[in-house]
Amino acid sequence: MELYTPVLALAIIAALFAVGSVAMSALVGPSRYNRARLDSYECGIEPTPQPVGGGRFPVKYYITAMLFIVFDIEIIFLYPWAVHFDAMGLFGLVEMVIFIATVFVAYAYVWRRGGLEWD
């Protein structure tokens, strides 16, 4: 139980901080309610009415999300290679160059087709 005491203390401090932050914002913050405050916030853009089902999103959103995931996975594969670079030697270097080249070809293709433009 002695080993868990610092973890328990940190969890209690974090919980107190979270509850205290919410309580202080309710006490100190302004309590004036108006229409703009009750509206949903969409990055400064006036919200537009949408159909009941939510409407359709442009395909560019999904393509951007998939690109983000691909480059995240690339970074995850680069970490073990960077940590054990000495142990892998020339074989590891060649494999990583091939991997980065294939990802770069995909990136160049998406860039050339206009997948990164937000018109």
PDB file of N, CA and C in Angstrom:
ATOM      1  N   MET A   1       0.827  -1.198   0.000  1.00  0.00           N
ATOM      2  CA  MET A   1       0.000   0.000   0.000  1.00  0.00           C
ATOM      3  C   MET A   1       0.863   1.250   0.000  1.00  0.00           C
ATOM      4  N   GLU A   2       2.073   1.157   0.544  1.00  0.00           N
ATOM      5  CA  GLU A   2       2.950   2.322   0.579  1.00  0.00           C
ATOM      6  C   GLU A   2       3.312   2.809  -0.804  1.00  0.00           C
ATOM      7  N   LEU A   3       3.418   1.882  -1.755  1.00  0.00           N
ATOM      8  CA  LEU A   3       3.795   2.255  -3.112  1.00  0.00           C
ATOM      9  C   LEU A   3       2.695   3.062  -3.807  1.00  0.00           C
ATOM     10  N   TYR A   4       1.433   2.846  -3.427  1.00  0.00           N
ATOM     11  CA  TYR A   4       0.324   3.522  -4.076  1.00  0.00           C
ATOM     12  C   TYR A   4      -0.042   4.850  -3.420  1.00  0.00           C
ATOM     13  N   THR A   5       0.573   5.180  -2.299  1.00  0.00           N
ATOM     14  CA  THR A   5       0.249   6.423  -1.601  1.00  0.00           C
ATOM     15  C   THR A   5       0.512   7.658  -2.474  1.00  0.00           C
ATOM     16  N   PRO A   6       1.662   7.788  -3.154  1.00  0.00           N
ATOM     17  CA  PRO A   6       1.853   8.968  -4.014  1.00  0.00           C
ATOM     18  C   PRO A   6       0.858   9.029  -5.173  1.00  0.00           C
ATOM     19  N   VAL A   7       0.509   7.879  -5.730  1.00  0.00           N
ATOM     20  CA  VAL A   7      -0.453   7.854  -6.826  1.00  0.00           C
ATOM     21  C   VAL A   7      -1.831   8.285  -6.328  1.00  0.00           C
ATOM     22  N   LEU A   8      -2.216   7.791  -5.159  1.00  0.00           N
ATOM     23  CA  LEU A   8      -3.489   8.171  -4.568  1.00  0.00           C
ATOM     24  C   LEU A   8      -3.510   9.660  -4.229  1.00  0.00           C
ATOM     25  N   ALA A   9      -2.400  10.167  -3.689  1.00  0.00           N
ATOM     26  CA  ALA A   9      -2.320  11.596  -3.369  1.00  0.00           C
ATOM     27  C   ALA A   9      -2.436  12.443  -4.632  1.00  0.00           C
ATOM     28  N   LEU A  10      -1.783  12.040  -5.704  1.00  0.00           N
ATOM     29  CA  LEU A  10      -1.864  12.781  -6.960  1.00  0.00           C
ATOM     30  C   LEU A  10      -3.271  12.732  -7.537  1.00  0.00           C
ATOM     31  N   ALA A  11      -3.944  11.598  -7.432  1.00  0.00           N
ATOM     32  CA  ALA A  11      -5.314  11.486  -7.923  1.00  0.00           C
ATOM     33  C   ALA A  11      -6.254  12.396  -7.130  1.00  0.00           C
ATOM     34  N   ILE A  12      -6.055  12.466  -5.822  1.00  0.00           N
ATOM     35  CA  ILE A  12      -6.882  13.339  -4.986  1.00  0.00           C
ATOM     36  C   ILE A  12      -6.635  14.803  -5.329  1.00  0.00           C
ATOM     37  N   ILE A  13      -5.366  15.170  -5.513  1.00  0.00           N
ATOM     38  CA  ILE A  13      -5.042  16.555  -5.878  1.00  0.00           C
ATOM     39  C   ILE A  13      -5.654  16.908  -7.238  1.00  0.00           C
ATOM     40  N   ALA A  14      -5.584  15.987  -8.206  1.00  0.00           N
ATOM     41  CA  ALA A  14      -6.159  16.242  -9.526  1.00  0.00           C
ATOM     42  C   ALA A  14      -7.677  16.399  -9.444  1.00  0.00           C
ATOM     43  N   ALA A  15      -8.325  15.544  -8.659  1.00  0.00           N
ATOM     44  CA  ALA A  15      -9.779  15.641  -8.513  1.00  0.00           C
ATOM     45  C   ALA A  15     -10.169  16.951  -7.837  1.00  0.00           C
ATOM     46  N   LEU A  16      -9.431  17.340  -6.801  1.00  0.00           N
ATOM     47  CA  LEU A  16      -9.717  18.611  -6.130  1.00  0.00           C
ATOM     48  C   LEU A  16      -9.506  19.792  -7.076  1.00  0.00           C
ATOM     49  N   PHE A  17      -8.482  19.726  -7.887  1.00  0.00           N
ATOM     50  CA  PHE A  17      -8.239  20.797  -8.846  1.00  0.00           C
ATOM     51  C   PHE A  17      -9.368  20.889  -9.863  1.00  0.00           C
ATOM     52  N   ALA A  18      -9.831  19.750 -10.367  1.00  0.00           N
ATOM     53  CA  ALA A  18     -10.916  19.748 -11.350  1.00  0.00           C
ATOM     54  C   ALA A  18     -12.206  20.305 -10.750  1.00  0.00           C
ATOM     55  N   VAL A  19     -12.572  19.810  -9.582  1.00  0.00           N
ATOM     56  CA  VAL A  19     -13.795  20.279  -8.930  1.00  0.00           C
ATOM     57  C   VAL A  19     -13.663  21.746  -8.546  1.00  0.00           C
ATOM     58  N   GLY A  20     -12.498  22.140  -8.045  1.00  0.00           N
ATOM     59  CA  GLY A  20     -12.273  23.536  -7.664  1.00  0.00           C
ATOM     60  C   GLY A  20     -12.330  24.475  -8.857  1.00  0.00           C
ATOM     61  N   SER A  21     -11.812  24.054  -9.992  1.00  0.00           N
ATOM     62  CA  SER A  21     -11.850  24.893 -11.198  1.00  0.00           C
ATOM     63  C   SER A  21     -13.279  25.128 -11.664  1.00  0.00           C
ATOM     64  N   VAL A  22     -14.079  24.067 -11.670  1.00  0.00           N
ATOM     65  CA  VAL A  22     -15.474  24.214 -12.088  1.00  0.00           C
ATOM     66  C   VAL A  22     -16.236  25.084 -11.095  1.00  0.00           C
ATOM     67  N   ALA A  23     -15.999  24.890  -9.803  1.00  0.00           N
ATOM     68  CA  ALA A  23     -16.692  25.682  -8.786  1.00  0.00           C
ATOM     69  C   ALA A  23     -16.289  27.153  -8.869  1.00  0.00           C
ATOM     70  N   MET A  24     -15.004  27.425  -9.054  1.00  0.00           N
ATOM     71  CA  MET A  24     -14.548  28.824  -9.136  1.00  0.00           C
ATOM     72  C   MET A  24     -15.091  29.512 -10.376  1.00  0.00           C
ATOM     73  N   SER A  25     -15.173  28.810 -11.489  1.00  0.00           N
ATOM     74  CA  SER A  25     -15.717  29.440 -12.694  1.00  0.00           C
ATOM     75  C   SER A  25     -17.194  29.763 -12.513  1.00  0.00           C
ATOM     76  N   ALA A  26     -17.915  28.920 -11.785  1.00  0.00           N
ATOM     77  CA  ALA A  26     -19.328  29.198 -11.528  1.00  0.00           C
ATOM     78  C   ALA A  26     -19.494  30.372 -10.569  1.00  0.00           C
ATOM     79  N   LEU A  27     -18.599  30.499  -9.597  1.00  0.00           N
ATOM     80  CA  LEU A  27     -18.705  31.581  -8.617  1.00  0.00           C
ATOM     81  C   LEU A  27     -18.201  32.912  -9.155  1.00  0.00           C
ATOM     82  N   VAL A  28     -17.087  32.902  -9.864  1.00  0.00           N
ATOM     83  CA  VAL A  28     -16.439  34.140 -10.288  1.00  0.00           C
ATOM     84  C   VAL A  28     -16.955  34.622 -11.637  1.00  0.00           C
ATOM     85  N   GLY A  29     -17.341  33.711 -12.510  1.00  0.00           N
ATOM     86  CA  GLY A  29     -17.747  34.073 -13.867  1.00  0.00           C
ATOM     87  C   GLY A  29     -19.056  34.833 -13.898  1.00  0.00           C
ATOM     88  N   PRO A  30     -19.276  35.569 -14.998  1.00  0.00           N
ATOM     89  CA  PRO A  30     -20.537  36.314 -15.113  1.00  0.00           C
ATOM     90  C   PRO A  30     -21.722  35.363 -15.266  1.00  0.00           C
ATOM     91  N   SER A  31     -22.838  35.770 -14.695  1.00  0.00           N
ATOM     92  CA  SER A  31     -24.012  34.908 -14.750  1.00  0.00           C
ATOM     93  C   SER A  31     -25.095  35.501 -15.644  1.00  0.00           C
ATOM     94  N   ARG A  32     -24.725  36.420 -16.522  1.00  0.00           N
ATOM     95  CA  ARG A  32     -25.694  37.004 -17.455  1.00  0.00           C
ATOM     96  C   ARG A  32     -25.880  36.033 -18.630  1.00  0.00           C
ATOM     97  N   TYR A  33     -27.086  35.664 -18.889  1.00  0.00           N
ATOM     98  CA  TYR A  33     -27.382  34.764 -20.008  1.00  0.00           C
ATOM     99  C   TYR A  33     -28.023  35.570 -21.123  1.00  0.00           C
ATOM    100  N   ASN A  34     -27.562  35.332 -22.326  1.00  0.00           N
ATOM    101  CA  ASN A  34     -28.166  35.955 -23.492  1.00  0.00           C
ATOM    102  C   ASN A  34     -28.216  34.931 -24.621  1.00  0.00           C
ATOM    103  N   ARG A  35     -28.788  35.341 -25.737  1.00  0.00           N
ATOM    104  CA  ARG A  35     -28.979  34.404 -26.849  1.00  0.00           C
ATOM    105  C   ARG A  35     -27.648  33.910 -27.409  1.00  0.00           C
ATOM    106  N   ALA A  36     -26.680  34.806 -27.528  1.00  0.00           N
ATOM    107  CA  ALA A  36     -25.384  34.422 -28.096  1.00  0.00           C
ATOM    108  C   ALA A  36     -24.662  33.423 -27.201  1.00  0.00           C
ATOM    109  N   ARG A  37     -24.812  33.550 -25.920  1.00  0.00           N
ATOM    110  CA  ARG A  37     -24.128  32.631 -25.013  1.00  0.00           C
ATOM    111  C   ARG A  37     -24.748  31.236 -25.058  1.00  0.00           C
ATOM    112  N   LEU A  38     -26.029  31.153 -25.301  1.00  0.00           N
ATOM    113  CA  LEU A  38     -26.704  29.865 -25.326  1.00  0.00           C
ATOM    114  C   LEU A  38     -26.619  29.178 -26.690  1.00  0.00           C
ATOM    115  N   ASP A  39     -26.166  29.905 -27.722  1.00  0.00           N
ATOM    116  CA  ASP A  39     -26.010  29.306 -29.042  1.00  0.00           C
ATOM    117  C   ASP A  39     -24.817  28.356 -29.059  1.00  0.00           C
ATOM    118  N   SER A  40     -24.848  27.415 -29.995  1.00  0.00           N
ATOM    119  CA  SER A  40     -23.691  26.536 -30.140  1.00  0.00           C
ATOM    120  C   SER A  40     -22.578  27.314 -30.827  1.00  0.00           C
ATOM    121  N   TYR A  41     -21.341  26.991 -30.496  1.00  0.00           N
ATOM    122  CA  TYR A  41     -20.180  27.703 -31.033  1.00  0.00           C
ATOM    123  C   TYR A  41     -19.497  26.842 -32.076  1.00  0.00           C
ATOM    124  N   GLU A  42     -19.341  27.384 -33.276  1.00  0.00           N
ATOM    125  CA  GLU A  42     -18.721  26.640 -34.365  1.00  0.00           C
ATOM    126  C   GLU A  42     -17.553  27.451 -34.926  1.00  0.00           C
ATOM    127  N   CYS A  43     -16.544  27.683 -34.122  1.00  0.00           N
ATOM    128  CA  CYS A  43     -15.327  28.364 -34.557  1.00  0.00           C
ATOM    129  C   CYS A  43     -15.605  29.755 -35.106  1.00  0.00           C
ATOM    130  N   GLY A  44     -16.514  30.478 -34.524  1.00  0.00           N
ATOM    131  CA  GLY A  44     -16.784  31.838 -34.949  1.00  0.00           C
ATOM    132  C   GLY A  44     -17.724  31.947 -36.125  1.00  0.00           C
ATOM    133  N   ILE A  45     -18.161  30.824 -36.675  1.00  0.00           N
ATOM    134  CA  ILE A  45     -19.069  30.847 -37.814  1.00  0.00           C
ATOM    135  C   ILE A  45     -20.497  30.733 -37.292  1.00  0.00           C
ATOM    136  N   GLU A  46     -21.385  31.540 -37.834  1.00  0.00           N
ATOM    137  CA  GLU A  46     -22.786  31.448 -37.433  1.00  0.00           C
ATOM    138  C   GLU A  46     -23.320  30.065 -37.763  1.00  0.00           C
ATOM    139  N   PRO A  47     -23.926  29.370 -36.808  1.00  0.00           N
ATOM    140  CA  PRO A  47     -24.456  28.036 -37.090  1.00  0.00           C
ATOM    141  C   PRO A  47     -25.601  28.104 -38.092  1.00  0.00           C
ATOM    142  N   THR A  48     -25.627  27.153 -38.982  1.00  0.00           N
ATOM    143  CA  THR A  48     -26.685  27.097 -39.983  1.00  0.00           C
ATOM    144  C   THR A  48     -27.625  25.952 -39.647  1.00  0.00           C
ATOM    145  N   PRO A  49     -28.899  26.126 -39.948  1.00  0.00           N
ATOM    146  CA  PRO A  49     -29.831  25.023 -39.669  1.00  0.00           C
ATOM    147  C   PRO A  49     -29.515  23.808 -40.537  1.00  0.00           C
ATOM    148  N   GLN A  50     -29.604  22.643 -39.946  1.00  0.00           N
ATOM    149  CA  GLN A  50     -29.311  21.411 -40.669  1.00  0.00           C
ATOM    150  C   GLN A  50     -30.501  20.471 -40.571  1.00  0.00           C
ATOM    151  N   PRO A  51     -30.585  19.534 -41.494  1.00  0.00           N
ATOM    152  CA  PRO A  51     -31.681  18.560 -41.426  1.00  0.00           C
ATOM    153  C   PRO A  51     -31.617  17.735 -40.145  1.00  0.00           C
ATOM    154  N   VAL A  52     -32.692  17.047 -39.855  1.00  0.00           N
ATOM    155  CA  VAL A  52     -32.787  16.266 -38.624  1.00  0.00           C
ATOM    156  C   VAL A  52     -31.712  15.197 -38.560  1.00  0.00           C
ATOM    157  N   GLY A  53     -31.388  14.570 -39.671  1.00  0.00           N
ATOM    158  CA  GLY A  53     -30.381  13.518 -39.692  1.00  0.00           C
ATOM    159  C   GLY A  53     -28.962  14.039 -39.571  1.00  0.00           C
ATOM    160  N   GLY A  54     -28.769  15.336 -39.626  1.00  0.00           N
ATOM    161  CA  GLY A  54     -27.436  15.906 -39.498  1.00  0.00           C
ATOM    162  C   GLY A  54     -26.835  16.339 -40.816  1.00  0.00           C
ATOM    163  N   GLY A  55     -27.386  15.929 -41.923  1.00  0.00           N
ATOM    164  CA  GLY A  55     -26.864  16.337 -43.221  1.00  0.00           C
ATOM    165  C   GLY A  55     -25.628  15.542 -43.611  1.00  0.00           C
ATOM    166  N   ARG A  56     -25.034  15.924 -44.740  1.00  0.00           N
ATOM    167  CA  ARG A  56     -23.867  15.211 -45.261  1.00  0.00           C
ATOM    168  C   ARG A  56     -22.634  16.085 -45.085  1.00  0.00           C
ATOM    169  N   PHE A  57     -21.527  15.459 -44.743  1.00  0.00           N
ATOM    170  CA  PHE A  57     -20.252  16.150 -44.651  1.00  0.00           C
ATOM    171  C   PHE A  57     -19.510  15.995 -45.971  1.00  0.00           C
ATOM    172  N   PRO A  58     -18.731  17.004 -46.354  1.00  0.00           N
ATOM    173  CA  PRO A  58     -17.912  16.837 -47.561  1.00  0.00           C
ATOM    174  C   PRO A  58     -16.870  15.739 -47.360  1.00  0.00           C
ATOM    175  N   VAL A  59     -16.512  15.083 -48.444  1.00  0.00           N
ATOM    176  CA  VAL A  59     -15.570  13.976 -48.401  1.00  0.00           C
ATOM    177  C   VAL A  59     -14.188  14.459 -47.954  1.00  0.00           C
ATOM    178  N   LYS A  60     -13.859  15.731 -48.184  1.00  0.00           N
ATOM    179  CA  LYS A  60     -12.542  16.260 -47.808  1.00  0.00           C
ATOM    180  C   LYS A  60     -12.269  16.105 -46.308  1.00  0.00           C
ATOM    181  N   TYR A  61     -13.307  16.187 -45.479  1.00  0.00           N
ATOM    182  CA  TYR A  61     -13.108  15.998 -44.047  1.00  0.00           C
ATOM    183  C   TYR A  61     -12.580  14.598 -43.750  1.00  0.00           C
ATOM    184  N   TYR A  62     -13.158  13.613 -44.389  1.00  0.00           N
ATOM    185  CA  TYR A  62     -12.751  12.235 -44.158  1.00  0.00           C
ATOM    186  C   TYR A  62     -11.359  11.960 -44.723  1.00  0.00           C
ATOM    187  N   ILE A  63     -11.066  12.538 -45.879  1.00  0.00           N
ATOM    188  CA  ILE A  63      -9.736  12.357 -46.468  1.00  0.00           C
ATOM    189  C   ILE A  63      -8.679  12.967 -45.562  1.00  0.00           C
ATOM    190  N   THR A  64      -8.958  14.156 -45.028  1.00  0.00           N
ATOM    191  CA  THR A  64      -8.006  14.786 -44.117  1.00  0.00           C
ATOM    192  C   THR A  64      -7.813  13.940 -42.868  1.00  0.00           C
ATOM    193  N   ALA A  65      -8.878  13.381 -42.337  1.00  0.00           N
ATOM    194  CA  ALA A  65      -8.772  12.525 -41.158  1.00  0.00           C
ATOM    195  C   ALA A  65      -7.941  11.283 -41.451  1.00  0.00           C
ATOM    196  N   MET A  66      -8.153  10.686 -42.624  1.00  0.00           N
ATOM    197  CA  MET A  66      -7.370   9.496 -42.977  1.00  0.00           C
ATOM    198  C   MET A  66      -5.895   9.842 -43.175  1.00  0.00           C
ATOM    199  N   LEU A  67      -5.622  10.998 -43.770  1.00  0.00           N
ATOM    200  CA  LEU A  67      -4.226  11.426 -43.921  1.00  0.00           C
ATOM    201  C   LEU A  67      -3.566  11.616 -42.569  1.00  0.00           C
ATOM    202  N   PHE A  68      -4.291  12.222 -41.649  1.00  0.00           N
ATOM    203  CA  PHE A  68      -3.759  12.421 -40.304  1.00  0.00           C
ATOM    204  C   PHE A  68      -3.421  11.079 -39.662  1.00  0.00           C
ATOM    205  N   ILE A  69      -4.293  10.101 -39.814  1.00  0.00           N
ATOM    206  CA  ILE A  69      -4.043   8.784 -39.234  1.00  0.00           C
ATOM    207  C   ILE A  69      -2.838   8.125 -39.882  1.00  0.00           C
ATOM    208  N   VAL A  70      -2.710   8.237 -41.201  1.00  0.00           N
ATOM    209  CA  VAL A  70      -1.567   7.633 -41.893  1.00  0.00           C
ATOM    210  C   VAL A  70      -0.263   8.234 -41.398  1.00  0.00           C
ATOM    211  N   PHE A  71      -0.191   9.558 -41.266  1.00  0.00           N
ATOM    212  CA  PHE A  71       1.050  10.176 -40.828  1.00  0.00           C
ATOM    213  C   PHE A  71       1.300   9.935 -39.339  1.00  0.00           C
ATOM    214  N   ASP A  72       0.245   9.762 -38.559  1.00  0.00           N
ATOM    215  CA  ASP A  72       0.428   9.359 -37.165  1.00  0.00           C
ATOM    216  C   ASP A  72       1.045   7.972 -37.077  1.00  0.00           C
ATOM    217  N   ILE A  73       0.561   7.060 -37.890  1.00  0.00           N
ATOM    218  CA  ILE A  73       1.100   5.699 -37.887  1.00  0.00           C
ATOM    219  C   ILE A  73       2.550   5.711 -38.354  1.00  0.00           C
ATOM    220  N   GLU A  74       2.863   6.580 -39.301  1.00  0.00           N
ATOM    221  CA  GLU A  74       4.256   6.687 -39.745  1.00  0.00           C
ATOM    222  C   GLU A  74       5.153   7.105 -38.585  1.00  0.00           C
ATOM    223  N   ILE A  75       4.715   8.073 -37.816  1.00  0.00           N
ATOM    224  CA  ILE A  75       5.517   8.525 -36.672  1.00  0.00           C
ATOM    225  C   ILE A  75       5.670   7.403 -35.650  1.00  0.00           C
ATOM    226  N   ILE A  76       4.608   6.629 -35.433  1.00  0.00           N
ATOM    227  CA  ILE A  76       4.695   5.514 -34.480  1.00  0.00           C
ATOM    228  C   ILE A  76       5.719   4.486 -34.942  1.00  0.00           C
ATOM    229  N   PHE A  77       5.819   4.267 -36.244  1.00  0.00           N
ATOM    230  CA  PHE A  77       6.817   3.329 -36.759  1.00  0.00           C
ATOM    231  C   PHE A  77       8.226   3.903 -36.705  1.00  0.00           C
ATOM    232  N   LEU A  78       8.353   5.212 -36.694  1.00  0.00           N
ATOM    233  CA  LEU A  78       9.686   5.825 -36.650  1.00  0.00           C
ATOM    234  C   LEU A  78      10.313   5.762 -35.258  1.00  0.00           C
ATOM    235  N   TYR A  79       9.513   5.740 -34.195  1.00  0.00           N
ATOM    236  CA  TYR A  79      10.072   5.734 -32.839  1.00  0.00           C
ATOM    237  C   TYR A  79      10.934   4.506 -32.542  1.00  0.00           C
ATOM    238  N   PRO A  80      10.448   3.295 -32.754  1.00  0.00           N
ATOM    239  CA  PRO A  80      11.311   2.145 -32.454  1.00  0.00           C
ATOM    240  C   PRO A  80      12.565   2.126 -33.322  1.00  0.00           C
ATOM    241  N   TRP A  81      12.437   2.567 -34.549  1.00  0.00           N
ATOM    242  CA  TRP A  81      13.601   2.617 -35.434  1.00  0.00           C
ATOM    243  C   TRP A  81      14.632   3.594 -34.889  1.00  0.00           C
ATOM    244  N   ALA A  82      14.182   4.741 -34.400  1.00  0.00           N
ATOM    245  CA  ALA A  82      15.118   5.731 -33.868  1.00  0.00           C
ATOM    246  C   ALA A  82      15.771   5.238 -32.578  1.00  0.00           C
ATOM    247  N   VAL A  83      15.023   4.502 -31.767  1.00  0.00           N
ATOM    248  CA  VAL A  83      15.575   4.025 -30.492  1.00  0.00           C
ATOM    249  C   VAL A  83      16.609   2.929 -30.705  1.00  0.00           C
ATOM    250  N   HIS A  84      16.356   2.017 -31.631  1.00  0.00           N
ATOM    251  CA  HIS A  84      17.257   0.894 -31.869  1.00  0.00           C
ATOM    252  C   HIS A  84      17.977   1.011 -33.208  1.00  0.00           C
ATOM    253  N   PHE A  85      18.357   2.207 -33.573  1.00  0.00           N
ATOM    254  CA  PHE A  85      19.005   2.434 -34.859  1.00  0.00           C
ATOM    255  C   PHE A  85      20.324   1.682 -34.965  1.00  0.00           C
ATOM    256  N   ASP A  86      21.117   1.674 -33.883  1.00  0.00           N
ATOM    257  CA  ASP A  86      22.420   1.002 -33.905  1.00  0.00           C
ATOM    258  C   ASP A  86      22.278  -0.513 -34.073  1.00  0.00           C
ATOM    259  N   ALA A  87      21.264  -1.090 -33.450  1.00  0.00           N
ATOM    260  CA  ALA A  87      21.102  -2.542 -33.500  1.00  0.00           C
ATOM    261  C   ALA A  87      20.652  -3.031 -34.883  1.00  0.00           C
ATOM    262  N   MET A  88      19.940  -2.203 -35.630  1.00  0.00           N
ATOM    263  CA  MET A  88      19.430  -2.635 -36.933  1.00  0.00           C
ATOM    264  C   MET A  88      20.446  -2.479 -38.061  1.00  0.00           C
ATOM    265  N   GLY A  89      21.322  -1.547 -37.916  1.00  0.00           N
ATOM    266  CA  GLY A  89      22.373  -1.365 -38.914  1.00  0.00           C
ATOM    267  C   GLY A  89      21.851  -0.902 -40.264  1.00  0.00           C
ATOM    268  N   LEU A  90      22.511  -1.330 -41.318  1.00  0.00           N
ATOM    269  CA  LEU A  90      22.188  -0.913 -42.677  1.00  0.00           C
ATOM    270  C   LEU A  90      20.821  -1.430 -43.121  1.00  0.00           C
ATOM    271  N   PHE A  91      20.456  -2.634 -42.686  1.00  0.00           N
ATOM    272  CA  PHE A  91      19.155  -3.193 -43.047  1.00  0.00           C
ATOM    273  C   PHE A  91      18.020  -2.290 -42.558  1.00  0.00           C
ATOM    274  N   GLY A  92      18.107  -1.838 -41.307  1.00  0.00           N
ATOM    275  CA  GLY A  92      17.085  -0.954 -40.753  1.00  0.00           C
ATOM    276  C   GLY A  92      17.021   0.371 -41.498  1.00  0.00           C
ATOM    277  N   LEU A  93      18.183   0.885 -41.893  1.00  0.00           N
ATOM    278  CA  LEU A  93      18.219   2.140 -42.628  1.00  0.00           C
ATOM    279  C   LEU A  93      17.545   1.998 -43.991  1.00  0.00           C
ATOM    280  N   VAL A  94      17.853   0.927 -44.706  1.00  0.00           N
ATOM    281  CA  VAL A  94      17.263   0.713 -46.028  1.00  0.00           C
ATOM    282  C   VAL A  94      15.751   0.523 -45.920  1.00  0.00           C
ATOM    283  N   GLU A  95      15.300  -0.265 -44.948  1.00  0.00           N
ATOM    284  CA  GLU A  95      13.871  -0.487 -44.772  1.00  0.00           C
ATOM    285  C   GLU A  95      13.144   0.810 -44.438  1.00  0.00           C
ATOM    286  N   MET A  96      13.737   1.649 -43.607  1.00  0.00           N
ATOM    287  CA  MET A  96      13.081   2.902 -43.237  1.00  0.00           C
ATOM    288  C   MET A  96      13.072   3.881 -44.404  1.00  0.00           C
ATOM    289  N   VAL A  97      14.107   3.885 -45.225  1.00  0.00           N
ATOM    290  CA  VAL A  97      14.103   4.747 -46.411  1.00  0.00           C
ATOM    291  C   VAL A  97      12.993   4.310 -47.371  1.00  0.00           C
ATOM    292  N   ILE A  98      12.815   3.010 -47.544  1.00  0.00           N
ATOM    293  CA  ILE A  98      11.736   2.504 -48.401  1.00  0.00           C
ATOM    294  C   ILE A  98      10.372   2.894 -47.830  1.00  0.00           C
ATOM    295  N   PHE A  99      10.216   2.749 -46.524  1.00  0.00           N
ATOM    296  CA  PHE A  99       8.955   3.096 -45.874  1.00  0.00           C
ATOM    297  C   PHE A  99       8.652   4.583 -46.033  1.00  0.00           C
ATOM    298  N   ILE A 100       9.623   5.434 -45.754  1.00  0.00           N
ATOM    299  CA  ILE A 100       9.410   6.880 -45.861  1.00  0.00           C
ATOM    300  C   ILE A 100       9.167   7.270 -47.315  1.00  0.00           C
ATOM    301  N   ALA A 101       9.833   6.617 -48.260  1.00  0.00           N
ATOM    302  CA  ALA A 101       9.623   6.925 -49.672  1.00  0.00           C
ATOM    303  C   ALA A 101       8.198   6.601 -50.099  1.00  0.00           C
ATOM    304  N   THR A 102       7.654   5.470 -49.644  1.00  0.00           N
ATOM    305  CA  THR A 102       6.276   5.127 -50.022  1.00  0.00           C
ATOM    306  C   THR A 102       5.280   6.112 -49.420  1.00  0.00           C
ATOM    307  N   VAL A 103       5.508   6.526 -48.176  1.00  0.00           N
ATOM    308  CA  VAL A 103       4.616   7.510 -47.560  1.00  0.00           C
ATOM    309  C   VAL A 103       4.752   8.859 -48.272  1.00  0.00           C
ATOM    310  N   PHE A 104       5.967   9.219 -48.675  1.00  0.00           N
ATOM    311  CA  PHE A 104       6.168  10.478 -49.380  1.00  0.00           C
ATOM    312  C   PHE A 104       5.494  10.452 -50.750  1.00  0.00           C
ATOM    313  N   VAL A 105       5.517   9.329 -51.435  1.00  0.00           N
ATOM    314  CA  VAL A 105       4.833   9.221 -52.727  1.00  0.00           C
ATOM    315  C   VAL A 105       3.327   9.419 -52.533  1.00  0.00           C
ATOM    316  N   ALA A 106       2.766   8.825 -51.497  1.00  0.00           N
ATOM    317  CA  ALA A 106       1.346   9.010 -51.211  1.00  0.00           C
ATOM    318  C   ALA A 106       1.045  10.470 -50.878  1.00  0.00           C
ATOM    319  N   TYR A 107       1.918  11.097 -50.101  1.00  0.00           N
ATOM    320  CA  TYR A 107       1.741  12.515 -49.747  1.00  0.00           C
ATOM    321  C   TYR A 107       1.802  13.394 -50.994  1.00  0.00           C
ATOM    322  N   ALA A 108       2.764  13.139 -51.894  1.00  0.00           N
ATOM    323  CA  ALA A 108       2.886  13.915 -53.123  1.00  0.00           C
ATOM    324  C   ALA A 108       1.650  13.729 -54.004  1.00  0.00           C
ATOM    325  N   TYR A 109       1.124  12.515 -54.055  1.00  0.00           N
ATOM    326  CA  TYR A 109      -0.075  12.241 -54.844  1.00  0.00           C
ATOM    327  C   TYR A 109      -1.263  13.036 -54.315  1.00  0.00           C
ATOM    328  N   VAL A 110      -1.450  13.014 -52.983  1.00  0.00           N
ATOM    329  CA  VAL A 110      -2.566  13.745 -52.387  1.00  0.00           C
ATOM    330  C   VAL A 110      -2.393  15.246 -52.600  1.00  0.00           C
ATOM    331  N   TRP A 111      -1.179  15.740 -52.467  1.00  0.00           N
ATOM    332  CA  TRP A 111      -0.911  17.160 -52.665  1.00  0.00           C
ATOM    333  C   TRP A 111      -1.189  17.562 -54.111  1.00  0.00           C
ATOM    334  N   ARG A 112      -0.746  16.742 -55.047  1.00  0.00           N
ATOM    335  CA  ARG A 112      -0.939  17.028 -56.476  1.00  0.00           C
ATOM    336  C   ARG A 112      -2.415  17.009 -56.862  1.00  0.00           C
ATOM    337  N   ARG A 113      -3.184  16.112 -56.265  1.00  0.00           N
ATOM    338  CA  ARG A 113      -4.621  16.020 -56.580  1.00  0.00           C
ATOM    339  C   ARG A 113      -5.451  17.081 -55.876  1.00  0.00           C
ATOM    340  N   GLY A 114      -4.831  17.902 -55.018  1.00  0.00           N
ATOM    341  CA  GLY A 114      -5.557  18.981 -54.343  1.00  0.00           C
ATOM    342  C   GLY A 114      -6.262  18.551 -53.086  1.00  0.00           C
ATOM    343  N   GLY A 115      -5.839  17.457 -52.494  1.00  0.00           N
ATOM    344  CA  GLY A 115      -6.494  16.982 -51.272  1.00  0.00           C
ATOM    345  C   GLY A 115      -6.179  17.811 -50.050  1.00  0.00           C
ATOM    346  N   LEU A 116      -5.188  18.671 -50.109  1.00  0.00           N
ATOM    347  CA  LEU A 116      -4.805  19.490 -48.957  1.00  0.00           C
ATOM    348  C   LEU A 116      -5.303  20.932 -49.067  1.00  0.00           C
ATOM    349  N   GLU A 117      -6.082  21.242 -50.109  1.00  0.00           N
ATOM    350  CA  GLU A 117      -6.597  22.593 -50.286  1.00  0.00           C
ATOM    351  C   GLU A 117      -7.984  22.707 -49.693  1.00  0.00           C
ATOM    352  N   TRP A 118      -8.241  23.805 -48.984  1.00  0.00           N
ATOM    353  CA  TRP A 118      -9.536  24.035 -48.326  1.00  0.00           C
ATOM    354  C   TRP A 118     -10.258  25.178 -49.018  1.00  0.00           C
ATOM    355  N   ASP A 119     -10.823  24.929 -50.161  1.00  0.00           N
ATOM    356  CA  ASP A 119     -11.543  25.975 -50.910  1.00  0.00           C
ATOM    357  C   ASP A 119     -12.892  26.213 -50.317  1.00  0.00           C
TER     358      ASP A 119
END
